């Protein structure tokens, strides 16, 4: 016999996020806002010569920023290190 099927709905609300956290040796790519909506994301960039480890995005999810990345310091060598470890630079066209 046919009848009515009653489904109970769920009610949920989402929470906005404040400005995203800073990234050491990096910056947010676009102008910061004071508030971001649920599912809105920001893109980070590293400072010159630093390398991004991880995805460059953080996403606002129910009031929290989700996403992990860091900016890796560039590798540098000075003359003393080069002599001590017998490192030679080669140039090729």
PDB file of N, CA and C in Angstrom:
ATOM      1  N   UNK A   1       0.838  -1.177   0.000  1.00  0.00           N
ATOM      2  CA  UNK A   1       0.000   0.000   0.000  1.00  0.00           C
ATOM      3  C   UNK A   1       0.886   1.244   0.000  1.00  0.00           C
ATOM      4  N   UNK A   2       0.547   2.213  -0.802  1.00  0.00           N
ATOM      5  CA  UNK A   2       1.328   3.445  -0.900  1.00  0.00           C
ATOM      6  C   UNK A   2       1.056   4.335   0.298  1.00  0.00           C
ATOM      7  N   UNK A   3       2.068   5.064   0.691  1.00  0.00           N
ATOM      8  CA  UNK A   3       1.907   5.978   1.819  1.00  0.00           C
ATOM      9  C   UNK A   3       2.837   7.159   1.680  1.00  0.00           C
ATOM     10  N   UNK A   4       2.836   7.973   2.666  1.00  0.00           N
ATOM     11  CA  UNK A   4       3.687   9.149   2.673  1.00  0.00           C
ATOM     12  C   UNK A   4       5.022   8.804   3.336  1.00  0.00           C
ATOM     13  N   UNK A   5       6.080   9.251   2.738  1.00  0.00           N
ATOM     14  CA  UNK A   5       7.404   9.112   3.355  1.00  0.00           C
ATOM     15  C   UNK A   5       7.806  10.485   3.863  1.00  0.00           C
ATOM     16  N   UNK A   6       8.017  10.570   5.134  1.00  0.00           N
ATOM     17  CA  UNK A   6       8.391  11.857   5.732  1.00  0.00           C
ATOM     18  C   UNK A   6       9.876  11.817   6.072  1.00  0.00           C
ATOM     19  N   UNK A   7      10.602  12.749   5.501  1.00  0.00           N
ATOM     20  CA  UNK A   7      12.018  12.862   5.817  1.00  0.00           C
ATOM     21  C   UNK A   7      12.235  14.115   6.618  1.00  0.00           C
ATOM     22  N   UNK A   8      12.971  13.939   7.676  1.00  0.00           N
ATOM     23  CA  UNK A   8      13.254  15.093   8.518  1.00  0.00           C
ATOM     24  C   UNK A   8      14.510  15.775   7.984  1.00  0.00           C
ATOM     25  N   UNK A   9      14.441  17.066   7.758  1.00  0.00           N
ATOM     26  CA  UNK A   9      15.583  17.818   7.267  1.00  0.00           C
ATOM     27  C   UNK A   9      16.519  18.197   8.397  1.00  0.00           C
ATOM     28  N   UNK A  10      17.697  18.559   8.017  1.00  0.00           N
ATOM     29  CA  UNK A  10      18.650  19.036   9.010  1.00  0.00           C
ATOM     30  C   UNK A  10      18.902  20.504   8.753  1.00  0.00           C
ATOM     31  N   UNK A  11      19.115  21.182   9.801  1.00  0.00           N
ATOM     32  CA  UNK A  11      19.371  22.613   9.706  1.00  0.00           C
ATOM     33  C   UNK A  11      20.783  22.863  10.218  1.00  0.00           C
ATOM     34  N   UNK A  12      21.565  23.493   9.413  1.00  0.00           N
ATOM     35  CA  UNK A  12      22.919  23.799   9.865  1.00  0.00           C
ATOM     36  C   UNK A  12      23.291  25.196   9.400  1.00  0.00           C
ATOM     37  N   UNK A  13      24.172  25.777  10.133  1.00  0.00           N
ATOM     38  CA  UNK A  13      24.657  27.097   9.744  1.00  0.00           C
ATOM     39  C   UNK A  13      26.172  27.033   9.659  1.00  0.00           C
ATOM     40  N   UNK A  14      26.723  27.899   8.860  1.00  0.00           N
ATOM     41  CA  UNK A  14      28.173  27.936   8.721  1.00  0.00           C
ATOM     42  C   UNK A  14      28.705  29.182   9.404  1.00  0.00           C
ATOM     43  N   UNK A  15      29.953  29.095   9.810  1.00  0.00           N
ATOM     44  CA  UNK A  15      30.592  30.195  10.524  1.00  0.00           C
ATOM     45  C   UNK A  15      31.665  30.792   9.624  1.00  0.00           C
ATOM     46  N   UNK A  16      31.725  32.102   9.568  1.00  0.00           N
ATOM     47  CA  UNK A  16      32.746  32.785   8.786  1.00  0.00           C
ATOM     48  C   UNK A  16      34.083  32.755   9.511  1.00  0.00           C
ATOM     49  N   UNK A  17      35.139  33.108   8.799  1.00  0.00           N
ATOM     50  CA  UNK A  17      36.489  33.160   9.364  1.00  0.00           C
ATOM     51  C   UNK A  17      36.980  34.602   9.421  1.00  0.00           C
ATOM     52  N   UNK A  18      37.813  34.876  10.408  1.00  0.00           N
ATOM     53  CA  UNK A  18      38.527  36.155  10.464  1.00  0.00           C
ATOM     54  C   UNK A  18      39.651  36.088   9.423  1.00  0.00           C
ATOM     55  N   UNK A  19      40.485  37.107   9.357  1.00  0.00           N
ATOM     56  CA  UNK A  19      41.608  37.107   8.417  1.00  0.00           C
ATOM     57  C   UNK A  19      42.456  35.852   8.615  1.00  0.00           C
ATOM     58  N   UNK A  20      43.025  35.318   7.541  1.00  0.00           N
ATOM     59  CA  UNK A  20      43.825  34.098   7.658  1.00  0.00           C
ATOM     60  C   UNK A  20      45.120  34.349   8.421  1.00  0.00           C
ATOM     61  N   UNK A  21      45.699  33.291   8.989  1.00  0.00           N
ATOM     62  CA  UNK A  21      46.938  33.451   9.750  1.00  0.00           C
ATOM     63  C   UNK A  21      48.100  33.820   8.835  1.00  0.00           C
ATOM     64  N   UNK A  22      49.100  34.494   9.383  1.00  0.00           N
ATOM     65  CA  UNK A  22      50.265  34.842   8.567  1.00  0.00           C
ATOM     66  C   UNK A  22      51.080  33.595   8.233  1.00  0.00           C
ATOM     67  N   UNK A  23      51.860  33.680   7.184  1.00  0.00           N
ATOM     68  CA  UNK A  23      52.763  32.610   6.781  1.00  0.00           C
ATOM     69  C   UNK A  23      54.183  33.136   6.917  1.00  0.00           C
ATOM     70  N   UNK A  24      55.011  32.466   7.713  1.00  0.00           N
ATOM     71  CA  UNK A  24      56.405  32.890   7.886  1.00  0.00           C
ATOM     72  C   UNK A  24      57.101  32.910   6.530  1.00  0.00           C
ATOM     73  N   UNK A  25      57.743  34.001   6.213  1.00  0.00           N
ATOM     74  CA  UNK A  25      58.475  34.199   4.960  1.00  0.00           C
ATOM     75  C   UNK A  25      57.575  34.144   3.726  1.00  0.00           C
ATOM     76  N   UNK A  26      56.289  34.466   3.927  1.00  0.00           N
ATOM     77  CA  UNK A  26      55.347  34.489   2.818  1.00  0.00           C
ATOM     78  C   UNK A  26      54.252  35.507   3.055  1.00  0.00           C
ATOM     79  N   UNK A  27      53.377  35.644   2.090  1.00  0.00           N
ATOM     80  CA  UNK A  27      52.290  36.614   2.153  1.00  0.00           C
ATOM     81  C   UNK A  27      51.053  36.044   1.469  1.00  0.00           C
ATOM     82  N   UNK A  28      49.897  36.623   1.793  1.00  0.00           N
ATOM     83  CA  UNK A  28      48.674  36.308   1.065  1.00  0.00           C
ATOM     84  C   UNK A  28      48.778  37.013  -0.282  1.00  0.00           C
ATOM     85  N   UNK A  29      48.400  36.323  -1.350  1.00  0.00           N
ATOM     86  CA  UNK A  29      48.587  36.847  -2.712  1.00  0.00           C
ATOM     87  C   UNK A  29      47.735  38.082  -2.998  1.00  0.00           C
ATOM     88  N   UNK A  30      46.523  38.131  -2.458  1.00  0.00           N
ATOM     89  CA  UNK A  30      45.626  39.250  -2.744  1.00  0.00           C
ATOM     90  C   UNK A  30      45.367  40.048  -1.474  1.00  0.00           C
ATOM     91  N   UNK A  31      44.680  41.152  -1.588  1.00  0.00           N
ATOM     92  CA  UNK A  31      44.383  42.013  -0.444  1.00  0.00           C
ATOM     93  C   UNK A  31      43.580  41.256   0.609  1.00  0.00           C
ATOM     94  N   UNK A  32      44.014  41.389   1.854  1.00  0.00           N
ATOM     95  CA  UNK A  32      43.317  40.728   2.960  1.00  0.00           C
ATOM     96  C   UNK A  32      41.988  41.397   3.254  1.00  0.00           C
ATOM     97  N   UNK A  33      41.020  40.591   3.667  1.00  0.00           N
ATOM     98  CA  UNK A  33      39.731  41.103   4.124  1.00  0.00           C
ATOM     99  C   UNK A  33      39.632  40.824   5.622  1.00  0.00           C
ATOM    100  N   UNK A  34      38.699  41.477   6.282  1.00  0.00           N
ATOM    101  CA  UNK A  34      38.530  41.246   7.722  1.00  0.00           C
ATOM    102  C   UNK A  34      37.704  39.998   7.996  1.00  0.00           C
ATOM    103  N   UNK A  35      36.921  39.546   7.008  1.00  0.00           N
ATOM    104  CA  UNK A  35      36.081  38.367   7.197  1.00  0.00           C
ATOM    105  C   UNK A  35      35.953  37.597   5.885  1.00  0.00           C
ATOM    106  N   UNK A  36      35.928  36.275   6.000  1.00  0.00           N
ATOM    107  CA  UNK A  36      35.799  35.391   4.844  1.00  0.00           C
ATOM    108  C   UNK A  36      34.639  34.431   5.065  1.00  0.00           C
ATOM    109  N   UNK A  37      33.932  34.111   4.008  1.00  0.00           N
ATOM    110  CA  UNK A  37      32.787  33.200   4.073  1.00  0.00           C
ATOM    111  C   UNK A  37      33.248  31.746   4.112  1.00  0.00           C
ATOM    112  N   UNK A  38      32.353  30.883   4.578  1.00  0.00           N
ATOM    113  CA  UNK A  38      32.595  29.444   4.573  1.00  0.00           C
ATOM    114  C   UNK A  38      32.931  28.999   3.146  1.00  0.00           C
ATOM    115  N   UNK A  39      33.928  28.171   2.992  1.00  0.00           N
ATOM    116  CA  UNK A  39      34.416  27.641   1.706  1.00  0.00           C
ATOM    117  C   UNK A  39      35.227  28.641   0.880  1.00  0.00           C
ATOM    118  N   UNK A  40      35.412  29.844   1.375  1.00  0.00           N
ATOM    119  CA  UNK A  40      36.244  30.812   0.653  1.00  0.00           C
ATOM    120  C   UNK A  40      37.706  30.472   0.936  1.00  0.00           C
ATOM    121  N   UNK A  41      38.567  30.668  -0.060  1.00  0.00           N
ATOM    122  CA  UNK A  41      39.969  30.335   0.156  1.00  0.00           C
ATOM    123  C   UNK A  41      40.881  31.490  -0.220  1.00  0.00           C
ATOM    124  N   UNK A  42      42.070  31.461   0.368  1.00  0.00           N
ATOM    125  CA  UNK A  42      43.092  32.455   0.065  1.00  0.00           C
ATOM    126  C   UNK A  42      44.327  31.728  -0.460  1.00  0.00           C
ATOM    127  N   UNK A  43      45.081  32.439  -1.269  1.00  0.00           N
ATOM    128  CA  UNK A  43      46.306  31.875  -1.834  1.00  0.00           C
ATOM    129  C   UNK A  43      47.506  32.600  -1.244  1.00  0.00           C
ATOM    130  N   UNK A  44      48.516  31.838  -0.880  1.00  0.00           N
ATOM    131  CA  UNK A  44      49.749  32.388  -0.329  1.00  0.00           C
ATOM    132  C   UNK A  44      50.869  32.286  -1.359  1.00  0.00           C
ATOM    133  N   UNK A  45      51.847  33.177  -1.239  1.00  0.00           N
ATOM    134  CA  UNK A  45      53.071  33.116  -2.038  1.00  0.00           C
ATOM    135  C   UNK A  45      54.250  33.299  -1.094  1.00  0.00           C
ATOM    136  N   UNK A  46      55.351  32.667  -1.423  1.00  0.00           N
ATOM    137  CA  UNK A  46      56.564  32.818  -0.617  1.00  0.00           C
ATOM    138  C   UNK A  46      57.353  34.029  -1.098  1.00  0.00           C
ATOM    139  N   UNK A  47      58.173  34.562  -0.210  1.00  0.00           N
ATOM    140  CA  UNK A  47      59.032  35.678  -0.579  1.00  0.00           C
ATOM    141  C   UNK A  47      60.068  35.204  -1.594  1.00  0.00           C
ATOM    142  N   UNK A  48      60.714  36.151  -2.245  1.00  0.00           N
ATOM    143  CA  UNK A  48      61.694  35.833  -3.289  1.00  0.00           C
ATOM    144  C   UNK A  48      62.713  34.808  -2.808  1.00  0.00           C
ATOM    145  N   UNK A  49      62.990  33.842  -3.653  1.00  0.00           N
ATOM    146  CA  UNK A  49      63.974  32.779  -3.451  1.00  0.00           C
ATOM    147  C   UNK A  49      63.532  31.701  -2.465  1.00  0.00           C
ATOM    148  N   UNK A  50      62.407  31.875  -1.786  1.00  0.00           N
ATOM    149  CA  UNK A  50      61.882  30.834  -0.903  1.00  0.00           C
ATOM    150  C   UNK A  50      61.011  29.897  -1.737  1.00  0.00           C
ATOM    151  N   UNK A  51      60.907  28.647  -1.313  1.00  0.00           N
ATOM    152  CA  UNK A  51      60.140  27.638  -2.039  1.00  0.00           C
ATOM    153  C   UNK A  51      58.948  27.187  -1.209  1.00  0.00           C
ATOM    154  N   UNK A  52      57.784  27.105  -1.840  1.00  0.00           N
ATOM    155  CA  UNK A  52      56.560  26.663  -1.165  1.00  0.00           C
ATOM    156  C   UNK A  52      56.576  25.150  -0.990  1.00  0.00           C
ATOM    157  N   UNK A  53      56.313  24.700   0.231  1.00  0.00           N
ATOM    158  CA  UNK A  53      56.119  23.271   0.493  1.00  0.00           C
ATOM    159  C   UNK A  53      54.654  23.074   0.834  1.00  0.00           C
ATOM    160  N   UNK A  54      53.966  22.243   0.073  1.00  0.00           N
ATOM    161  CA  UNK A  54      52.534  22.039   0.259  1.00  0.00           C
ATOM    162  C   UNK A  54      51.738  22.885  -0.719  1.00  0.00           C
ATOM    163  N   UNK A  55      50.429  22.749  -0.658  1.00  0.00           N
ATOM    164  CA  UNK A  55      49.544  23.531  -1.522  1.00  0.00           C
ATOM    165  C   UNK A  55      49.519  24.980  -1.038  1.00  0.00           C
ATOM    166  N   UNK A  56      49.411  25.951  -1.939  1.00  0.00           N
ATOM    167  CA  UNK A  56      49.470  27.360  -1.533  1.00  0.00           C
ATOM    168  C   UNK A  56      48.145  27.927  -1.021  1.00  0.00           C
ATOM    169  N   UNK A  57      47.164  27.075  -0.703  1.00  0.00           N
ATOM    170  CA  UNK A  57      45.833  27.564  -0.324  1.00  0.00           C
ATOM    171  C   UNK A  57      45.454  27.183   1.105  1.00  0.00           C
ATOM    172  N   UNK A  58      44.700  28.079   1.749  1.00  0.00           N
ATOM    173  CA  UNK A  58      43.988  27.770   2.985  1.00  0.00           C
ATOM    174  C   UNK A  58      42.523  28.078   2.723  1.00  0.00           C
ATOM    175  N   UNK A  59      41.639  27.240   3.268  1.00  0.00           N
ATOM    176  CA  UNK A  59      40.203  27.369   3.039  1.00  0.00           C
ATOM    177  C   UNK A  59      39.482  27.580   4.357  1.00  0.00           C
ATOM    178  N   UNK A  60      38.521  28.502   4.364  1.00  0.00           N
ATOM    179  CA  UNK A  60      37.698  28.767   5.547  1.00  0.00           C
ATOM    180  C   UNK A  60      36.631  27.681   5.647  1.00  0.00           C
ATOM    181  N   UNK A  61      36.694  26.883   6.700  1.00  0.00           N
ATOM    182  CA  UNK A  61      35.707  25.832   6.941  1.00  0.00           C
ATOM    183  C   UNK A  61      35.142  26.023   8.344  1.00  0.00           C
ATOM    184  N   UNK A  62      33.883  26.446   8.403  1.00  0.00           N
ATOM    185  CA  UNK A  62      33.187  26.637   9.691  1.00  0.00           C
ATOM    186  C   UNK A  62      34.008  27.404  10.724  1.00  0.00           C
ATOM    187  N   UNK A  63      34.570  28.517  10.304  1.00  0.00           N
ATOM    188  CA  UNK A  63      35.279  29.396  11.230  1.00  0.00           C
ATOM    189  C   UNK A  63      36.745  29.075  11.438  1.00  0.00           C
ATOM    190  N   UNK A  64      37.265  28.052  10.775  1.00  0.00           N
ATOM    191  CA  UNK A  64      38.676  27.679  10.915  1.00  0.00           C
ATOM    192  C   UNK A  64      39.345  27.638   9.553  1.00  0.00           C
ATOM    193  N   UNK A  65      40.617  28.012   9.529  1.00  0.00           N
ATOM    194  CA  UNK A  65      41.386  27.949   8.293  1.00  0.00           C
ATOM    195  C   UNK A  65      42.024  26.572   8.179  1.00  0.00           C
ATOM    196  N   UNK A  66      41.746  25.889   7.076  1.00  0.00           N
ATOM    197  CA  UNK A  66      42.260  24.549   6.829  1.00  0.00           C
ATOM    198  C   UNK A  66      43.295  24.625   5.712  1.00  0.00           C
ATOM    199  N   UNK A  67      44.417  23.958   5.900  1.00  0.00           N
ATOM    200  CA  UNK A  67      45.480  23.925   4.893  1.00  0.00           C
ATOM    201  C   UNK A  67      46.827  24.165   5.547  1.00  0.00           C
ATOM    202  N   UNK A  68      47.809  23.419   5.110  1.00  0.00           N
ATOM    203  CA  UNK A  68      49.156  23.532   5.664  1.00  0.00           C
ATOM    204  C   UNK A  68      50.150  23.789   4.547  1.00  0.00           C
ATOM    205  N   UNK A  69      50.995  24.741   4.759  1.00  0.00           N
ATOM    206  CA  UNK A  69      52.086  25.003   3.842  1.00  0.00           C
ATOM    207  C   UNK A  69      53.173  25.721   4.620  1.00  0.00           C
ATOM    208  N   UNK A  70      54.355  25.772   4.027  1.00  0.00           N
ATOM    209  CA  UNK A  70      55.423  26.580   4.613  1.00  0.00           C
ATOM    210  C   UNK A  70      56.369  27.011   3.512  1.00  0.00           C
ATOM    211  N   UNK A  71      57.107  28.066   3.795  1.00  0.00           N
ATOM    212  CA  UNK A  71      58.091  28.581   2.856  1.00  0.00           C
ATOM    213  C   UNK A  71      59.473  28.127   3.316  1.00  0.00           C
ATOM    214  N   UNK A  72      60.161  27.405   2.445  1.00  0.00           N
ATOM    215  CA  UNK A  72      61.481  26.882   2.777  1.00  0.00           C
ATOM    216  C   UNK A  72      62.554  27.884   2.397  1.00  0.00           C
ATOM    217  N   UNK A  73      63.473  28.082   3.327  1.00  0.00           N
ATOM    218  CA  UNK A  73      64.575  29.026   3.135  1.00  0.00           C
ATOM    219  C   UNK A  73      65.473  28.544   1.991  1.00  0.00           C
ATOM    220  N   UNK A  74      65.959  29.478   1.175  1.00  0.00           N
ATOM    221  CA  UNK A  74      66.848  29.068   0.086  1.00  0.00           C
ATOM    222  C   UNK A  74      68.170  28.535   0.636  1.00  0.00           C
ATOM    223  N   UNK A  75      68.729  27.588  -0.066  1.00  0.00           N
ATOM    224  CA  UNK A  75      70.007  27.005   0.322  1.00  0.00           C
ATOM    225  C   UNK A  75      71.123  27.952  -0.115  1.00  0.00           C
ATOM    226  N   UNK A  76      71.998  28.270   0.812  1.00  0.00           N
ATOM    227  CA  UNK A  76      73.120  29.152   0.487  1.00  0.00           C
ATOM    228  C   UNK A  76      74.424  28.521   0.969  1.00  0.00           C
ATOM    229  N   UNK A  77      75.505  28.862   0.302  1.00  0.00           N
ATOM    230  CA  UNK A  77      76.836  28.374   0.660  1.00  0.00           C
ATOM    231  C   UNK A  77      77.789  29.555   0.564  1.00  0.00           C
ATOM    232  N   UNK A  78      78.664  29.697   1.570  1.00  0.00           N
ATOM    233  CA  UNK A  78      79.658  30.771   1.495  1.00  0.00           C
ATOM    234  C   UNK A  78      81.013  30.195   1.064  1.00  0.00           C
ATOM    235  N   UNK A  79      81.992  31.066   0.838  1.00  0.00           N
ATOM    236  CA  UNK A  79      83.310  30.634   0.353  1.00  0.00           C
ATOM    237  C   UNK A  79      83.979  29.648   1.303  1.00  0.00           C
ATOM    238  N   UNK A  80      83.897  29.892   2.615  1.00  0.00           N
ATOM    239  CA  UNK A  80      84.523  28.987   3.588  1.00  0.00           C
ATOM    240  C   UNK A  80      83.916  27.587   3.504  1.00  0.00           C
ATOM    241  N   UNK A  81      82.584  27.503   3.417  1.00  0.00           N
ATOM    242  CA  UNK A  81      81.921  26.200   3.288  1.00  0.00           C
ATOM    243  C   UNK A  81      82.374  25.485   2.014  1.00  0.00           C
ATOM    244  N   UNK A  82      82.506  26.238   0.939  1.00  0.00           N
ATOM    245  CA  UNK A  82      82.911  25.639  -0.334  1.00  0.00           C
ATOM    246  C   UNK A  82      84.324  25.070  -0.243  1.00  0.00           C
ATOM    247  N   UNK A  83      85.247  25.809   0.351  1.00  0.00           N
ATOM    248  CA  UNK A  83      86.622  25.320   0.502  1.00  0.00           C
ATOM    249  C   UNK A  83      86.664  24.110   1.437  1.00  0.00           C
ATOM    250  N   UNK A  84      85.980  24.203   2.565  1.00  0.00           N
ATOM    251  CA  UNK A  84      86.005  23.144   3.574  1.00  0.00           C
ATOM    252  C   UNK A  84      85.430  21.826   3.037  1.00  0.00           C
ATOM    253  N   UNK A  85      84.423  21.900   2.179  1.00  0.00           N
ATOM    254  CA  UNK A  85      83.765  20.695   1.667  1.00  0.00           C
ATOM    255  C   UNK A  85      84.113  20.400   0.209  1.00  0.00           C
ATOM    256  N   UNK A  86      85.145  21.084  -0.281  1.00  0.00           N
ATOM    257  CA  UNK A  86      85.628  20.875  -1.644  1.00  0.00           C
ATOM    258  C   UNK A  86      84.500  20.999  -2.677  1.00  0.00           C
ATOM    259  N   UNK A  87      83.749  22.092  -2.582  1.00  0.00           N
ATOM    260  CA  UNK A  87      82.645  22.360  -3.503  1.00  0.00           C
ATOM    261  C   UNK A  87      83.131  23.332  -4.572  1.00  0.00           C
ATOM    262  N   UNK A  88      82.886  22.995  -5.823  1.00  0.00           N
ATOM    263  CA  UNK A  88      83.264  23.871  -6.927  1.00  0.00           C
ATOM    264  C   UNK A  88      82.026  24.166  -7.764  1.00  0.00           C
ATOM    265  N   UNK A  89      81.902  25.403  -8.181  1.00  0.00           N
ATOM    266  CA  UNK A  89      80.796  25.790  -9.052  1.00  0.00           C
ATOM    267  C   UNK A  89      81.219  25.603 -10.500  1.00  0.00           C
ATOM    268  N   UNK A  90      80.319  25.074 -11.296  1.00  0.00           N
ATOM    269  CA  UNK A  90      80.587  24.907 -12.724  1.00  0.00           C
ATOM    270  C   UNK A  90      79.549  25.691 -13.498  1.00  0.00           C
ATOM    271  N   UNK A  91      79.998  26.302 -14.568  1.00  0.00           N
ATOM    272  CA  UNK A  91      79.102  27.061 -15.421  1.00  0.00           C
ATOM    273  C   UNK A  91      79.062  26.387 -16.784  1.00  0.00           C
ATOM    274  N   UNK A  92      77.877  26.216 -17.313  1.00  0.00           N
ATOM    275  CA  UNK A  92      77.739  25.617 -18.644  1.00  0.00           C
ATOM    276  C   UNK A  92      76.691  26.395 -19.426  1.00  0.00           C
ATOM    277  N   UNK A  93      76.905  26.485 -20.726  1.00  0.00           N
ATOM    278  CA  UNK A  93      75.926  27.148 -21.606  1.00  0.00           C
ATOM    279  C   UNK A  93      74.817  26.212 -21.976  1.00  0.00           C
TER     280      UNK A  93
END
